[in-house]
Amino acid sequence: MKKYVFIFLSLLILGGCAHFPGKSLERSKIQKPPQKAYNPFALSSFIDGVFADLNRDYQRAALDYNEALTWDSTSATIYAALGQDYLKIGRVRIGLKLLKKAVRLEPDNPEYPSILVAVYGQLRDFNSAIPYQEALVKLKPNDVSGHYHLATLYLLTKQDQKAAEEFNKVYELSGKSPDALGKISEFYLQARKYDQAIQTYQKLIQLQPDKEENYINLGEMYQMKGDTATAVTFLESALKDHPAFSKVRNFLSDIYMNQNQWKKALTLWQALKEEKPNDIQPYLQIAELHLAEGDTAKSIEMYGKIRQLFKDNWHVYYNLGRVYLERKNFTDAIANLKMAIQKDTSVPQSWLLLGLAYLQNGKNQEAEKNFADALKVFPGEPRLNFYYGAVLNQNKKYKQAVLPLQKLLQASPNYVDGLRELAYSYLNLKQYDNAEKTCLRALKINPNNLSVVLILASVYDDQKKYDAVDSLYQKALSLDPENAVVLNNFSYSLATRGKDISKALEMVQKALTKEPKNGAFLDTMGWIYYKMGRYKQALKFVKASTETREPSAEVFEHLGDIYHKLGNVKKARLYWKKALGKDKTNRRLLQKLRGGRS
């Protein structure tokens, strides 16, 4: 109840219903203009409209306000309230008309033109908003935000001179504040008025000659304008006057590098190296510049000097490790990255790069241990959780992989590669519902992710949902018709079902022309020959597949089946036992070993 009383009093203070002769309160003894009185019927209907508005019943409120106008047709407040309700129910033209009527009735009330400016802004009718913002500025000539908004409207309607005048007023009213100039320049930048933005920042630099950020911003504006030459000249001059400006030096160096002006970039950092021989930064930059220009030998030589001068700094070892890794020199890469971690264990990228070096060198067990150790220091680091989960998958530790991948996705829920790895874990754990949900979640983010499409096809294949399987493989082929993995997987799926064997053979042959020593592809070829009854050829290809990689339970089972068809029961049982050793819960293998066939 108190809330409604407060609203009612607020309405009285605002004034709205036209004056009606009546007695004044004691306050009228003070020499002031006569206060407005209110038509009681208009006021009653108006309050009904207010309550309807509070209940969001805007159509009812509009009826009440219309009734109020029958009793008092000169109240700006009623017209404004009615106009806003018409806007809410979608009757924009009449809503605007009523708000304009309110402005005419009370031209000195800033509330009504403010509403009109906001409405026209939402409609993106900036030209129509301008007269009302101009009226607001006249009513409140010292209001900085009013001039700011008016300048913005002028910019949006390409009235650049008027915008400049208003921004100048903003600057003056703000006490010539540098912050105001910064905001003005941002507005010019958003409107792509680069010349005006440049002029504003030039003025800002005069006010704040020692603030490095201003020089960076002005250099960027020259670049946005497409005038890199002027940007370079300006930044060179700034660096000459302010040699301690490290960000300006970096910016200028980047421009030189982008223009392949390696000598200029090197000169820039060599000068700083001579000036500050105990600062590692110029040394690192020089080494990186040699690397960027393609002179790896000079880069490594420079890093060797840095290692002698700054032997306890982790950056040296990290960067050297990175350079060696790029050159596939895994031994030196791993040694330097280990040293980087030894010098400073709190740098996650050192752990990350060391793990990647192990992976690229085929040392999956070492990679697994490295990522596990790293996560003891950085348990929530998303990249480390991702690679730990991925390497656990590679090491066939699917159950262990789930937790780090779930942690990753808590931090980065839309990371598709993380969803892919988690789906792969679930697939191998035969948690098909989880695998399917995870794949669908990933495909909602990126519908054309080929790896996820293939995993989902495998999920459905294991569940014998073959219509969905074929549809997904057709999609995969449409995404990448020459992809050898897609060709092989679709081929193998068809072969296991005994469907379209000639098509399956054609696809795997195409895959093998691309990767003739791929063990999975060789096994698929052998299994297709098995399905065709060509057991000797089947044996040749499946045996060849075991020479290229560690055989899976499935490959051993294939060998057992082929030998069984060739009449060699002893060898058949040998390979079925090997398969069972890798897949101890496989009922099909148990049945075969007991003498049955499935």
Foldseek 3Di string as FASTA:
>chain_A
DVVLVVVLVVDQVVDFFAADDDDDDPVPVPPDPDGGDHDPQLSVLQSVLVVCVVVVVLVSSLVSLVRSCVVGVLTLVSLQSNLVSCVVVPNNVSSLVSLVSSCVSPVLDLPSLVVVLVVCVVVVVLVVNQVSLVSNCVNPVLDLVSLVVNLLSCLSVVVNVSSVVSLVSSCVSVVNDLVSLVVSLVSCVVSVVLVVSLVSLVVSCVVVVPDLVSLVVNLVSCVVVVNNVVSLVSLVVSCVVPVVNPVSLVVNLVVCLVVVVLVVSLVSLVVVCVVPVLDCVSLQSNLVSCVSNPNPVVSLVSLVVSCVNCVLALVSLQVNLVSCVVVVVLVSNLVSLVVSCVSPVQDLVSLVSNLVSCVVVVNLVVSLVSLVVNCVNVVQDLSSLQVNLVSCVVVVVLVVSQVSLVSNCVVVVQPLSSLLSNLSSCVSVLVLVSNLVSLVSNCVSPVLPLSSLLSNLSSCLVVVVVVSNVVSLVSSCVSPVQDLVSLQSVLLSCLVVVHPLVSSLVSLVSSCVVVVQALSSLQSNLSSCVSVVNLVSSLVSLVSSVVRDPDALVSLQSNLVSCVSVVNNVSSLVSLVVSCVRVVPDVQSVCVNVPHHD
